[in-house]
Amino acid sequence: MKKATPYIIMFLMISLMFLYFEISKASAEISRDHEKGEYPYTRLVNHTDSIKVFFTENKKDVTCHVRVITPLRQWQSEPVTVSKLVFEKTPLMACLPRKNAQGIYAHVWAENITVQ
């Protein structure tokens, strides 16, 4: 039994290395070209300082969340898991559900009125 222990440890280390290389973490900032014409996403992009999508991907899907930043506040969505295809087409829409986006936009709109 004691002879098998080094092999088990080596197997676990190699497995962890493959897992580390398989999963990548990244973030992307949404530009004004993304999500054109889709309410409320276009308005969020146009009326905020920054929108960032943070994501971790594996072979089949992507787990992501969104951070929306304005001069007065910032919001962060709950993580969601979506297919890679959906994420690649529309990352903001995939990672920020429409109801949440509408709620954030309502706050952003109110901020813009009070700041001006």
PDB file of N, CA and C in Angstrom:
ATOM      1  N   MET A   1       0.817  -1.196   0.000  1.00  0.00           N
ATOM      2  CA  MET A   1       0.000   0.000   0.000  1.00  0.00           C
ATOM      3  C   MET A   1       0.859   1.257   0.000  1.00  0.00           C
ATOM      4  N   LYS A   2       1.999   1.212   0.727  1.00  0.00           N
ATOM      5  CA  LYS A   2       2.855   2.384   0.805  1.00  0.00           C
ATOM      6  C   LYS A   2       3.518   2.687  -0.531  1.00  0.00           C
ATOM      7  N   LYS A   3       3.760   1.681  -1.358  1.00  0.00           N
ATOM      8  CA  LYS A   3       4.381   1.900  -2.659  1.00  0.00           C
ATOM      9  C   LYS A   3       3.433   2.598  -3.619  1.00  0.00           C
ATOM     10  N   ALA A   4       2.156   2.422  -3.452  1.00  0.00           N
ATOM     11  CA  ALA A   4       1.173   3.025  -4.354  1.00  0.00           C
ATOM     12  C   ALA A   4       0.982   4.514  -4.081  1.00  0.00           C
ATOM     13  N   THR A   5       1.302   4.978  -2.895  1.00  0.00           N
ATOM     14  CA  THR A   5       1.070   6.378  -2.524  1.00  0.00           C
ATOM     15  C   THR A   5       1.778   7.368  -3.444  1.00  0.00           C
ATOM     16  N   PRO A   6       3.069   7.202  -3.791  1.00  0.00           N
ATOM     17  CA  PRO A   6       3.696   8.168  -4.706  1.00  0.00           C
ATOM     18  C   PRO A   6       3.021   8.211  -6.077  1.00  0.00           C
ATOM     19  N   TYR A   7       2.549   7.065  -6.558  1.00  0.00           N
ATOM     20  CA  TYR A   7       1.875   7.035  -7.852  1.00  0.00           C
ATOM     21  C   TYR A   7       0.534   7.755  -7.798  1.00  0.00           C
ATOM     22  N   ILE A   8      -0.159   7.594  -6.697  1.00  0.00           N
ATOM     23  CA  ILE A   8      -1.442   8.288  -6.527  1.00  0.00           C
ATOM     24  C   ILE A   8      -1.219   9.789  -6.481  1.00  0.00           C
ATOM     25  N   ILE A   9      -0.208  10.214  -5.747  1.00  0.00           N
ATOM     26  CA  ILE A   9       0.093  11.649  -5.652  1.00  0.00           C
ATOM     27  C   ILE A   9       0.483  12.195  -7.018  1.00  0.00           C
ATOM     28  N   MET A  10       1.323  11.455  -7.756  1.00  0.00           N
ATOM     29  CA  MET A  10       1.734  11.904  -9.084  1.00  0.00           C
ATOM     30  C   MET A  10       0.526  11.967 -10.025  1.00  0.00           C
ATOM     31  N   PHE A  11      -0.353  10.986  -9.965  1.00  0.00           N
ATOM     32  CA  PHE A  11      -1.563  10.990 -10.787  1.00  0.00           C
ATOM     33  C   PHE A  11      -2.433  12.201 -10.469  1.00  0.00           C
ATOM     34  N   LEU A  12      -2.611  12.497  -9.191  1.00  0.00           N
ATOM     35  CA  LEU A  12      -3.418  13.651  -8.792  1.00  0.00           C
ATOM     36  C   LEU A  12      -2.792  14.963  -9.266  1.00  0.00           C
ATOM     37  N   MET A  13      -1.483  15.077  -9.175  1.00  0.00           N
ATOM     38  CA  MET A  13      -0.807  16.305  -9.619  1.00  0.00           C
ATOM     39  C   MET A  13      -0.969  16.496 -11.126  1.00  0.00           C
ATOM     40  N   ILE A  14      -0.818  15.441 -11.886  1.00  0.00           N
ATOM     41  CA  ILE A  14      -0.979  15.532 -13.340  1.00  0.00           C
ATOM     42  C   ILE A  14      -2.422  15.869 -13.685  1.00  0.00           C
ATOM     43  N   SER A  15      -3.370  15.262 -12.985  1.00  0.00           N
ATOM     44  CA  SER A  15      -4.786  15.569 -13.225  1.00  0.00           C
ATOM     45  C   SER A  15      -5.084  17.033 -12.943  1.00  0.00           C
ATOM     46  N   LEU A  16      -4.536  17.555 -11.864  1.00  0.00           N
ATOM     47  CA  LEU A  16      -4.748  18.968 -11.531  1.00  0.00           C
ATOM     48  C   LEU A  16      -4.129  19.887 -12.578  1.00  0.00           C
ATOM     49  N   MET A  17      -2.978  19.504 -13.124  1.00  0.00           N
ATOM     50  CA  MET A  17      -2.363  20.324 -14.173  1.00  0.00           C
ATOM     51  C   MET A  17      -3.260  20.381 -15.402  1.00  0.00           C
ATOM     52  N   PHE A  18      -3.812  19.248 -15.816  1.00  0.00           N
ATOM     53  CA  PHE A  18      -4.711  19.238 -16.971  1.00  0.00           C
ATOM     54  C   PHE A  18      -5.955  20.070 -16.698  1.00  0.00           C
ATOM     55  N   LEU A  19      -6.486  19.958 -15.507  1.00  0.00           N
ATOM     56  CA  LEU A  19      -7.668  20.737 -15.144  1.00  0.00           C
ATOM     57  C   LEU A  19      -7.345  22.225 -15.176  1.00  0.00           C
ATOM     58  N   TYR A  20      -6.183  22.606 -14.683  1.00  0.00           N
ATOM     59  CA  TYR A  20      -5.777  24.015 -14.683  1.00  0.00           C
ATOM     60  C   TYR A  20      -5.694  24.558 -16.108  1.00  0.00           C
ATOM     61  N   PHE A  21      -5.122  23.795 -17.012  1.00  0.00           N
ATOM     62  CA  PHE A  21      -4.984  24.269 -18.385  1.00  0.00           C
ATOM     63  C   PHE A  21      -6.303  24.211 -19.152  1.00  0.00           C
ATOM     64  N   GLU A  22      -7.207  23.352 -18.712  1.00  0.00           N
ATOM     65  CA  GLU A  22      -8.499  23.215 -19.385  1.00  0.00           C
ATOM     66  C   GLU A  22      -9.417  24.402 -19.101  1.00  0.00           C
ATOM     67  N   ILE A  23      -9.338  24.948 -17.896  1.00  0.00           N
ATOM     68  CA  ILE A  23     -10.223  26.043 -17.498  1.00  0.00           C
ATOM     69  C   ILE A  23      -9.449  27.348 -17.584  1.00  0.00           C
ATOM     70  N   SER A  24     -10.013  28.323 -18.267  1.00  0.00           N
ATOM     71  CA  SER A  24      -9.355  29.617 -18.343  1.00  0.00           C
ATOM     72  C   SER A  24     -10.287  30.681 -17.792  1.00  0.00           C
ATOM     73  N   LYS A  25      -9.704  31.686 -17.144  1.00  0.00           N
ATOM     74  CA  LYS A  25     -10.493  32.791 -16.604  1.00  0.00           C
ATOM     75  C   LYS A  25     -10.137  34.042 -17.377  1.00  0.00           C
ATOM     76  N   ALA A  26     -11.134  34.870 -17.617  1.00  0.00           N
ATOM     77  CA  ALA A  26     -10.872  36.096 -18.363  1.00  0.00           C
ATOM     78  C   ALA A  26     -11.968  37.100 -18.083  1.00  0.00           C
ATOM     79  N   SER A  27     -11.756  38.291 -18.586  1.00  0.00           N
ATOM     80  CA  SER A  27     -12.805  39.308 -18.544  1.00  0.00           C
ATOM     81  C   SER A  27     -12.739  40.087 -19.843  1.00  0.00           C
ATOM     82  N   ALA A  28     -13.845  40.698 -20.181  1.00  0.00           N
ATOM     83  CA  ALA A  28     -13.901  41.496 -21.399  1.00  0.00           C
ATOM     84  C   ALA A  28     -14.766  42.709 -21.130  1.00  0.00           C
ATOM     85  N   GLU A  29     -14.363  43.827 -21.677  1.00  0.00           N
ATOM     86  CA  GLU A  29     -15.169  45.033 -21.548  1.00  0.00           C
ATOM     87  C   GLU A  29     -16.075  45.129 -22.767  1.00  0.00           C
ATOM     88  N   ILE A  30     -17.327  45.457 -22.524  1.00  0.00           N
ATOM     89  CA  ILE A  30     -18.306  45.563 -23.603  1.00  0.00           C
ATOM     90  C   ILE A  30     -18.179  46.936 -24.244  1.00  0.00           C
ATOM     91  N   SER A  31     -18.069  46.952 -25.558  1.00  0.00           N
ATOM     92  CA  SER A  31     -17.983  48.229 -26.275  1.00  0.00           C
ATOM     93  C   SER A  31     -19.349  48.597 -26.827  1.00  0.00           C
ATOM     94  N   ARG A  32     -19.443  49.763 -27.405  1.00  0.00           N
ATOM     95  CA  ARG A  32     -20.714  50.247 -27.942  1.00  0.00           C
ATOM     96  C   ARG A  32     -21.175  49.437 -29.159  1.00  0.00           C
ATOM     97  N   ASP A  33     -20.315  48.627 -29.734  1.00  0.00           N
ATOM     98  CA  ASP A  33     -20.691  47.819 -30.896  1.00  0.00           C
ATOM     99  C   ASP A  33     -21.483  46.568 -30.514  1.00  0.00           C
ATOM    100  N   HIS A  34     -21.356  46.124 -29.263  1.00  0.00           N
ATOM    101  CA  HIS A  34     -22.047  44.912 -28.820  1.00  0.00           C
ATOM    102  C   HIS A  34     -23.522  45.199 -28.554  1.00  0.00           C
ATOM    103  N   GLU A  35     -24.326  44.194 -28.736  1.00  0.00           N
ATOM    104  CA  GLU A  35     -25.741  44.219 -28.368  1.00  0.00           C
ATOM    105  C   GLU A  35     -26.508  45.374 -29.013  1.00  0.00           C
ATOM    106  N   LYS A  36     -26.190  45.738 -30.239  1.00  0.00           N
ATOM    107  CA  LYS A  36     -26.864  46.867 -30.907  1.00  0.00           C
ATOM    108  C   LYS A  36     -28.361  46.640 -31.005  1.00  0.00           C
ATOM    109  N   GLY A  37     -29.113  47.645 -30.611  1.00  0.00           N
ATOM    110  CA  GLY A  37     -30.549  47.640 -30.778  1.00  0.00           C
ATOM    111  C   GLY A  37     -31.336  46.842 -29.759  1.00  0.00           C
ATOM    112  N   GLU A  38     -30.703  46.188 -28.839  1.00  0.00           N
ATOM    113  CA  GLU A  38     -31.408  45.367 -27.864  1.00  0.00           C
ATOM    114  C   GLU A  38     -31.647  46.153 -26.580  1.00  0.00           C
ATOM    115  N   TYR A  39     -32.932  46.408 -26.272  1.00  0.00           N
ATOM    116  CA  TYR A  39     -33.277  47.092 -25.027  1.00  0.00           C
ATOM    117  C   TYR A  39     -33.225  46.080 -23.900  1.00  0.00           C
ATOM    118  N   PRO A  40     -32.706  46.398 -22.772  1.00  0.00           N
ATOM    119  CA  PRO A  40     -32.077  47.630 -22.300  1.00  0.00           C
ATOM    120  C   PRO A  40     -30.556  47.626 -22.432  1.00  0.00           C
ATOM    121  N   TYR A  41     -30.011  46.615 -23.109  1.00  0.00           N
ATOM    122  CA  TYR A  41     -28.561  46.455 -23.153  1.00  0.00           C
ATOM    123  C   TYR A  41     -27.860  47.621 -23.845  1.00  0.00           C
ATOM    124  N   THR A  42     -28.377  48.072 -24.969  1.00  0.00           N
ATOM    125  CA  THR A  42     -27.760  49.193 -25.680  1.00  0.00           C
ATOM    126  C   THR A  42     -27.748  50.436 -24.805  1.00  0.00           C
ATOM    127  N   ARG A  43     -28.845  50.679 -24.123  1.00  0.00           N
ATOM    128  CA  ARG A  43     -28.909  51.863 -23.258  1.00  0.00           C
ATOM    129  C   ARG A  43     -27.951  51.746 -22.085  1.00  0.00           C
ATOM    130  N   LEU A  44     -27.794  50.560 -21.545  1.00  0.00           N
ATOM    131  CA  LEU A  44     -26.811  50.372 -20.473  1.00  0.00           C
ATOM    132  C   LEU A  44     -25.409  50.701 -20.974  1.00  0.00           C
ATOM    133  N   VAL A  45     -25.067  50.183 -22.139  1.00  0.00           N
ATOM    134  CA  VAL A  45     -23.739  50.437 -22.707  1.00  0.00           C
ATOM    135  C   VAL A  45     -23.537  51.928 -22.948  1.00  0.00           C
ATOM    136  N   ASN A  46     -24.568  52.609 -23.443  1.00  0.00           N
ATOM    137  CA  ASN A  46     -24.446  54.029 -23.775  1.00  0.00           C
ATOM    138  C   ASN A  46     -24.447  54.953 -22.561  1.00  0.00           C
ATOM    139  N   HIS A  47     -25.017  54.525 -21.432  1.00  0.00           N
ATOM    140  CA  HIS A  47     -25.183  55.426 -20.294  1.00  0.00           C
ATOM    141  C   HIS A  47     -24.371  55.044 -19.063  1.00  0.00           C
ATOM    142  N   THR A  48     -23.400  54.170 -19.212  1.00  0.00           N
ATOM    143  CA  THR A  48     -22.552  53.795 -18.081  1.00  0.00           C
ATOM    144  C   THR A  48     -21.094  54.029 -18.432  1.00  0.00           C
ATOM    145  N   ASP A  49     -20.271  54.112 -17.397  1.00  0.00           N
ATOM    146  CA  ASP A  49     -18.838  54.302 -17.618  1.00  0.00           C
ATOM    147  C   ASP A  49     -18.173  53.031 -18.130  1.00  0.00           C
ATOM    148  N   SER A  50     -18.616  51.900 -17.595  1.00  0.00           N
ATOM    149  CA  SER A  50     -17.954  50.650 -17.947  1.00  0.00           C
ATOM    150  C   SER A  50     -18.889  49.472 -17.686  1.00  0.00           C
ATOM    151  N   ILE A  51     -18.859  48.519 -18.581  1.00  0.00           N
ATOM    152  CA  ILE A  51     -19.539  47.241 -18.374  1.00  0.00           C
ATOM    153  C   ILE A  51     -18.511  46.159 -18.663  1.00  0.00           C
ATOM    154  N   LYS A  52     -18.277  45.306 -17.668  1.00  0.00           N
ATOM    155  CA  LYS A  52     -17.301  44.235 -17.829  1.00  0.00           C
ATOM    156  C   LYS A  52     -17.976  42.890 -17.632  1.00  0.00           C
ATOM    157  N   VAL A  53     -17.623  41.962 -18.488  1.00  0.00           N
ATOM    158  CA  VAL A  53     -18.119  40.594 -18.387  1.00  0.00           C
ATOM    159  C   VAL A  53     -16.952  39.730 -17.921  1.00  0.00           C
ATOM    160  N   PHE A  54     -17.124  39.074 -16.789  1.00  0.00           N
ATOM    161  CA  PHE A  54     -16.111  38.171 -16.253  1.00  0.00           C
ATOM    162  C   PHE A  54     -16.578  36.752 -16.527  1.00  0.00           C
ATOM    163  N   PHE A  55     -15.678  35.929 -17.032  1.00  0.00           N
ATOM    164  CA  PHE A  55     -16.115  34.584 -17.405  1.00  0.00           C
ATOM    165  C   PHE A  55     -15.023  33.551 -17.213  1.00  0.00           C
ATOM    166  N   THR A  56     -15.485  32.329 -17.009  1.00  0.00           N
ATOM    167  CA  THR A  56     -14.638  31.143 -16.956  1.00  0.00           C
ATOM    168  C   THR A  56     -15.238  30.170 -17.947  1.00  0.00           C
ATOM    169  N   GLU A  57     -14.404  29.654 -18.826  1.00  0.00           N
ATOM    170  CA  GLU A  57     -14.941  28.744 -19.834  1.00  0.00           C
ATOM    171  C   GLU A  57     -14.303  27.374 -19.723  1.00  0.00           C
ATOM    172  N   ASN A  58     -15.068  26.377 -20.121  1.00  0.00           N
ATOM    173  CA  ASN A  58     -14.536  25.032 -20.275  1.00  0.00           C
ATOM    174  C   ASN A  58     -14.931  24.548 -21.666  1.00  0.00           C
ATOM    175  N   LYS A  59     -14.881  23.265 -21.924  1.00  0.00           N
ATOM    176  CA  LYS A  59     -15.129  22.775 -23.286  1.00  0.00           C
ATOM    177  C   LYS A  59     -16.524  23.090 -23.802  1.00  0.00           C
ATOM    178  N   LYS A  60     -17.536  22.968 -22.949  1.00  0.00           N
ATOM    179  CA  LYS A  60     -18.915  23.063 -23.417  1.00  0.00           C
ATOM    180  C   LYS A  60     -19.597  24.385 -23.112  1.00  0.00           C
ATOM    181  N   ASP A  61     -19.287  24.976 -21.957  1.00  0.00           N
ATOM    182  CA  ASP A  61     -20.056  26.148 -21.558  1.00  0.00           C
ATOM    183  C   ASP A  61     -19.197  27.211 -20.894  1.00  0.00           C
ATOM    184  N   VAL A  62     -19.852  28.302 -20.535  1.00  0.00           N
ATOM    185  CA  VAL A  62     -19.187  29.455 -19.938  1.00  0.00           C
ATOM    186  C   VAL A  62     -19.975  29.850 -18.692  1.00  0.00           C
ATOM    187  N   THR A  63     -19.272  30.096 -17.603  1.00  0.00           N
ATOM    188  CA  THR A  63     -19.890  30.654 -16.401  1.00  0.00           C
ATOM    189  C   THR A  63     -19.449  32.103 -16.335  1.00  0.00           C
ATOM    190  N   CYS A  64     -20.419  33.016 -16.208  1.00  0.00           N
ATOM    191  CA  CYS A  64     -20.072  34.430 -16.303  1.00  0.00           C
ATOM    192  C   CYS A  64     -20.939  35.292 -15.392  1.00  0.00           C
ATOM    193  N   HIS A  65     -20.443  36.489 -15.126  1.00  0.00           N
ATOM    194  CA  HIS A  65     -21.226  37.517 -14.450  1.00  0.00           C
ATOM    195  C   HIS A  65     -20.796  38.868 -15.003  1.00  0.00           C
ATOM    196  N   VAL A  66     -21.601  39.888 -14.728  1.00  0.00           N
ATOM    197  CA  VAL A  66     -21.389  41.216 -15.310  1.00  0.00           C
ATOM    198  C   VAL A  66     -21.220  42.233 -14.197  1.00  0.00           C
ATOM    199  N   ARG A  67     -20.329  43.189 -14.416  1.00  0.00           N
ATOM    200  CA  ARG A  67     -20.169  44.330 -13.506  1.00  0.00           C
ATOM    201  C   ARG A  67     -20.450  45.600 -14.302  1.00  0.00           C
ATOM    202  N   VAL A  68     -21.410  46.390 -13.813  1.00  0.00           N
ATOM    203  CA  VAL A  68     -21.799  47.654 -14.439  1.00  0.00           C
ATOM    204  C   VAL A  68     -21.330  48.778 -13.521  1.00  0.00           C
ATOM    205  N   ILE A  69     -20.595  49.754 -14.088  1.00  0.00           N
ATOM    206  CA  ILE A  69     -20.007  50.827 -13.278  1.00  0.00           C
ATOM    207  C   ILE A  69     -20.484  52.181 -13.784  1.00  0.00           C
ATOM    208  N   THR A  70     -20.962  53.008 -12.852  1.00  0.00           N
ATOM    209  CA  THR A  70     -21.347  54.393 -13.136  1.00  0.00           C
ATOM    210  C   THR A  70     -20.538  55.290 -12.205  1.00  0.00           C
ATOM    211  N   PRO A  71     -20.611  56.609 -12.367  1.00  0.00           N
ATOM    212  CA  PRO A  71     -19.851  57.482 -11.469  1.00  0.00           C
ATOM    213  C   PRO A  71     -20.240  57.327  -9.993  1.00  0.00           C
ATOM    214  N   LEU A  72     -21.490  56.965  -9.718  1.00  0.00           N
ATOM    215  CA  LEU A  72     -21.950  56.901  -8.333  1.00  0.00           C
ATOM    216  C   LEU A  72     -22.012  55.498  -7.742  1.00  0.00           C
ATOM    217  N   ARG A  73     -22.155  54.473  -8.577  1.00  0.00           N
ATOM    218  CA  ARG A  73     -22.366  53.115  -8.067  1.00  0.00           C
ATOM    219  C   ARG A  73     -21.789  52.069  -9.005  1.00  0.00           C
ATOM    220  N   GLN A  74     -21.823  50.841  -8.488  1.00  0.00           N
ATOM    221  CA  GLN A  74     -21.537  49.710  -9.366  1.00  0.00           C
ATOM    222  C   GLN A  74     -22.417  48.529  -8.969  1.00  0.00           C
ATOM    223  N   TRP A  75     -22.786  47.735  -9.952  1.00  0.00           N
ATOM    224  CA  TRP A  75     -23.631  46.562  -9.753  1.00  0.00           C
ATOM    225  C   TRP A  75     -22.879  45.345 -10.250  1.00  0.00           C
ATOM    226  N   GLN A  76     -23.156  44.202  -9.620  1.00  0.00           N
ATOM    227  CA  GLN A  76     -22.578  42.945 -10.088  1.00  0.00           C
ATOM    228  C   GLN A  76     -23.681  41.893 -10.119  1.00  0.00           C
ATOM    229  N   SER A  77     -23.818  41.227 -11.236  1.00  0.00           N
ATOM    230  CA  SER A  77     -24.854  40.204 -11.376  1.00  0.00           C
ATOM    231  C   SER A  77     -24.402  38.894 -10.742  1.00  0.00           C
ATOM    232  N   GLU A  78     -25.358  38.015 -10.550  1.00  0.00           N
ATOM    233  CA  GLU A  78     -25.069  36.662 -10.068  1.00  0.00           C
ATOM    234  C   GLU A  78     -24.464  35.853 -11.220  1.00  0.00           C
ATOM    235  N   PRO A  79     -23.564  34.930 -10.930  1.00  0.00           N
ATOM    236  CA  PRO A  79     -23.004  34.093 -11.994  1.00  0.00           C
ATOM    237  C   PRO A  79     -24.071  33.203 -12.641  1.00  0.00           C
ATOM    238  N   VAL A  80     -23.966  33.055 -13.946  1.00  0.00           N
ATOM    239  CA  VAL A  80     -24.842  32.159 -14.704  1.00  0.00           C
ATOM    240  C   VAL A  80     -23.975  31.281 -15.600  1.00  0.00           C
ATOM    241  N   THR A  81     -24.488  30.117 -15.962  1.00  0.00           N
ATOM    242  CA  THR A  81     -23.783  29.222 -16.874  1.00  0.00           C
ATOM    243  C   THR A  81     -24.575  29.150 -18.172  1.00  0.00           C
ATOM    244  N   VAL A  82     -23.889  29.432 -19.280  1.00  0.00           N
ATOM    245  CA  VAL A  82     -24.524  29.458 -20.600  1.00  0.00           C
ATOM    246  C   VAL A  82     -23.661  28.676 -21.584  1.00  0.00           C
ATOM    247  N   SER A  83     -24.237  28.324 -22.723  1.00  0.00           N
ATOM    248  CA  SER A  83     -23.464  27.606 -23.741  1.00  0.00           C
ATOM    249  C   SER A  83     -22.443  28.559 -24.371  1.00  0.00           C
ATOM    250  N   LYS A  84     -21.368  27.998 -24.862  1.00  0.00           N
ATOM    251  CA  LYS A  84     -20.337  28.813 -25.510  1.00  0.00           C
ATOM    252  C   LYS A  84     -20.884  29.560 -26.717  1.00  0.00           C
ATOM    253  N   LEU A  85     -21.744  28.901 -27.474  1.00  0.00           N
ATOM    254  CA  LEU A  85     -22.300  29.511 -28.681  1.00  0.00           C
ATOM    255  C   LEU A  85     -23.097  30.767 -28.341  1.00  0.00           C
ATOM    256  N   VAL A  86     -23.960  30.688 -27.353  1.00  0.00           N
ATOM    257  CA  VAL A  86     -24.760  31.849 -26.937  1.00  0.00           C
ATOM    258  C   VAL A  86     -23.844  32.949 -26.418  1.00  0.00           C
ATOM    259  N   PHE A  87     -22.851  32.583 -25.616  1.00  0.00           N
ATOM    260  CA  PHE A  87     -21.920  33.565 -25.059  1.00  0.00           C
ATOM    261  C   PHE A  87     -21.140  34.280 -26.156  1.00  0.00           C
ATOM    262  N   GLU A  88     -20.685  33.539 -27.146  1.00  0.00           N
ATOM    263  CA  GLU A  88     -19.893  34.144 -28.219  1.00  0.00           C
ATOM    264  C   GLU A  88     -20.714  35.106 -29.066  1.00  0.00           C
ATOM    265  N   LYS A  89     -22.008  34.822 -29.241  1.00  0.00           N
ATOM    266  CA  LYS A  89     -22.865  35.706 -30.042  1.00  0.00           C
ATOM    267  C   LYS A  89     -23.175  37.007 -29.313  1.00  0.00           C
ATOM    268  N   THR A  90     -23.640  36.911 -28.085  1.00  0.00           N
ATOM    269  CA  THR A  90     -24.058  38.100 -27.323  1.00  0.00           C
ATOM    270  C   THR A  90     -23.662  37.930 -25.858  1.00  0.00           C
ATOM    271  N   PRO A  91     -22.434  38.260 -25.513  1.00  0.00           N
ATOM    272  CA  PRO A  91     -21.960  38.010 -24.149  1.00  0.00           C
ATOM    273  C   PRO A  91     -22.742  38.759 -23.068  1.00  0.00           C
ATOM    274  N   LEU A  92     -23.082  40.001 -23.314  1.00  0.00           N
ATOM    275  CA  LEU A  92     -23.798  40.766 -22.291  1.00  0.00           C
ATOM    276  C   LEU A  92     -25.191  40.192 -22.062  1.00  0.00           C
ATOM    277  N   MET A  93     -25.906  39.906 -23.135  1.00  0.00           N
ATOM    278  CA  MET A  93     -27.252  39.345 -23.013  1.00  0.00           C
ATOM    279  C   MET A  93     -27.213  37.957 -22.376  1.00  0.00           C
ATOM    280  N   ALA A  94     -26.187  37.197 -22.658  1.00  0.00           N
ATOM    281  CA  ALA A  94     -26.075  35.851 -22.106  1.00  0.00           C
ATOM    282  C   ALA A  94     -25.803  35.873 -20.604  1.00  0.00           C
ATOM    283  N   CYS A  95     -25.017  36.843 -20.156  1.00  0.00           N
ATOM    284  CA  CYS A  95     -24.556  36.856 -18.764  1.00  0.00           C
ATOM    285  C   CYS A  95     -25.377  37.742 -17.840  1.00  0.00           C
ATOM    286  N   LEU A  96     -26.211  38.598 -18.396  1.00  0.00           N
ATOM    287  CA  LEU A  96     -27.041  39.494 -17.588  1.00  0.00           C
ATOM    288  C   LEU A  96     -28.495  39.329 -18.026  1.00  0.00           C
ATOM    289  N   PRO A  97     -29.305  38.615 -17.240  1.00  0.00           N
ATOM    290  CA  PRO A  97     -30.710  38.423 -17.622  1.00  0.00           C
ATOM    291  C   PRO A  97     -31.427  39.761 -17.843  1.00  0.00           C
ATOM    292  N   ARG A  98     -32.363  39.766 -18.776  1.00  0.00           N
ATOM    293  CA  ARG A  98     -33.063  40.997 -19.171  1.00  0.00           C
ATOM    294  C   ARG A  98     -33.700  41.712 -17.980  1.00  0.00           C
ATOM    295  N   LYS A  99     -34.355  40.993 -17.078  1.00  0.00           N
ATOM    296  CA  LYS A  99     -34.995  41.629 -15.911  1.00  0.00           C
ATOM    297  C   LYS A  99     -33.959  42.370 -15.067  1.00  0.00           C
ATOM    298  N   ASN A 100     -32.812  41.763 -14.851  1.00  0.00           N
ATOM    299  CA  ASN A 100     -31.741  42.416 -14.087  1.00  0.00           C
ATOM    300  C   ASN A 100     -31.222  43.638 -14.830  1.00  0.00           C
ATOM    301  N   ALA A 101     -31.051  43.504 -16.139  1.00  0.00           N
ATOM    302  CA  ALA A 101     -30.567  44.630 -16.947  1.00  0.00           C
ATOM    303  C   ALA A 101     -31.556  45.792 -16.897  1.00  0.00           C
ATOM    304  N   GLN A 102     -32.853  45.489 -16.945  1.00  0.00           N
ATOM    305  CA  GLN A 102     -33.862  46.545 -16.869  1.00  0.00           C
ATOM    306  C   GLN A 102     -33.813  47.247 -15.519  1.00  0.00           C
ATOM    307  N   GLY A 103     -33.656  46.490 -14.445  1.00  0.00           N
ATOM    308  CA  GLY A 103     -33.564  47.082 -13.109  1.00  0.00           C
ATOM    309  C   GLY A 103     -32.344  47.973 -12.962  1.00  0.00           C
ATOM    310  N   ILE A 104     -31.210  47.511 -13.456  1.00  0.00           N
ATOM    311  CA  ILE A 104     -29.986  48.321 -13.390  1.00  0.00           C
ATOM    312  C   ILE A 104     -30.150  49.571 -14.236  1.00  0.00           C
ATOM    313  N   TYR A 105     -30.725  49.416 -15.432  1.00  0.00           N
ATOM    314  CA  TYR A 105     -30.901  50.586 -16.294  1.00  0.00           C
ATOM    315  C   TYR A 105     -31.817  51.617 -15.641  1.00  0.00           C
ATOM    316  N   ALA A 106     -32.846  51.188 -14.935  1.00  0.00           N
ATOM    317  CA  ALA A 106     -33.732  52.133 -14.239  1.00  0.00           C
ATOM    318  C   ALA A 106     -32.934  52.963 -13.236  1.00  0.00           C
ATOM    319  N   HIS A 107     -32.016  52.333 -12.508  1.00  0.00           N
ATOM    320  CA  HIS A 107     -31.166  53.066 -11.561  1.00  0.00           C
ATOM    321  C   HIS A 107     -30.211  54.008 -12.294  1.00  0.00           C
ATOM    322  N   VAL A 108     -29.632  53.524 -13.386  1.00  0.00           N
ATOM    323  CA  VAL A 108     -28.703  54.353 -14.171  1.00  0.00           C
ATOM    324  C   VAL A 108     -29.432  55.573 -14.720  1.00  0.00           C
ATOM    325  N   TRP A 109     -30.626  55.380 -15.240  1.00  0.00           N
ATOM    326  CA  TRP A 109     -31.424  56.477 -15.787  1.00  0.00           C
ATOM    327  C   TRP A 109     -31.732  57.501 -14.695  1.00  0.00           C
ATOM    328  N   ALA A 110     -32.126  57.025 -13.508  1.00  0.00           N
ATOM    329  CA  ALA A 110     -32.417  57.930 -12.388  1.00  0.00           C
ATOM    330  C   ALA A 110     -31.160  58.686 -11.965  1.00  0.00           C
ATOM    331  N   GLU A 111     -30.018  58.013 -11.954  1.00  0.00           N
ATOM    332  CA  GLU A 111     -28.746  58.677 -11.623  1.00  0.00           C
ATOM    333  C   GLU A 111     -28.440  59.784 -12.617  1.00  0.00           C
ATOM    334  N   ASN A 112     -28.627  59.501 -13.898  1.00  0.00           N
ATOM    335  CA  ASN A 112     -28.316  60.494 -14.931  1.00  0.00           C
ATOM    336  C   ASN A 112     -29.197  61.722 -14.802  1.00  0.00           C
ATOM    337  N   ILE A 113     -30.441  61.539 -14.412  1.00  0.00           N
ATOM    338  CA  ILE A 113     -31.338  62.687 -14.248  1.00  0.00           C
ATOM    339  C   ILE A 113     -30.918  63.521 -13.043  1.00  0.00           C
ATOM    340  N   THR A 114     -30.552  62.874 -11.935  1.00  0.00           N
ATOM    341  CA  THR A 114     -30.189  63.623 -10.729  1.00  0.00           C
ATOM    342  C   THR A 114     -28.822  64.279 -10.862  1.00  0.00           C
ATOM    343  N   VAL A 115     -27.905  63.673 -11.619  1.00  0.00           N
ATOM    344  CA  VAL A 115     -26.565  64.246 -11.789  1.00  0.00           C
ATOM    345  C   VAL A 115     -26.612  65.475 -12.686  1.00  0.00           C
ATOM    346  N   GLN A 116     -27.473  65.467 -13.696  1.00  0.00           N
ATOM    347  CA  GLN A 116     -27.535  66.581 -14.637  1.00  0.00           C
ATOM    348  C   GLN A 116     -28.289  67.677 -14.012  1.00  0.00           C
TER     349      GLN A 116
END
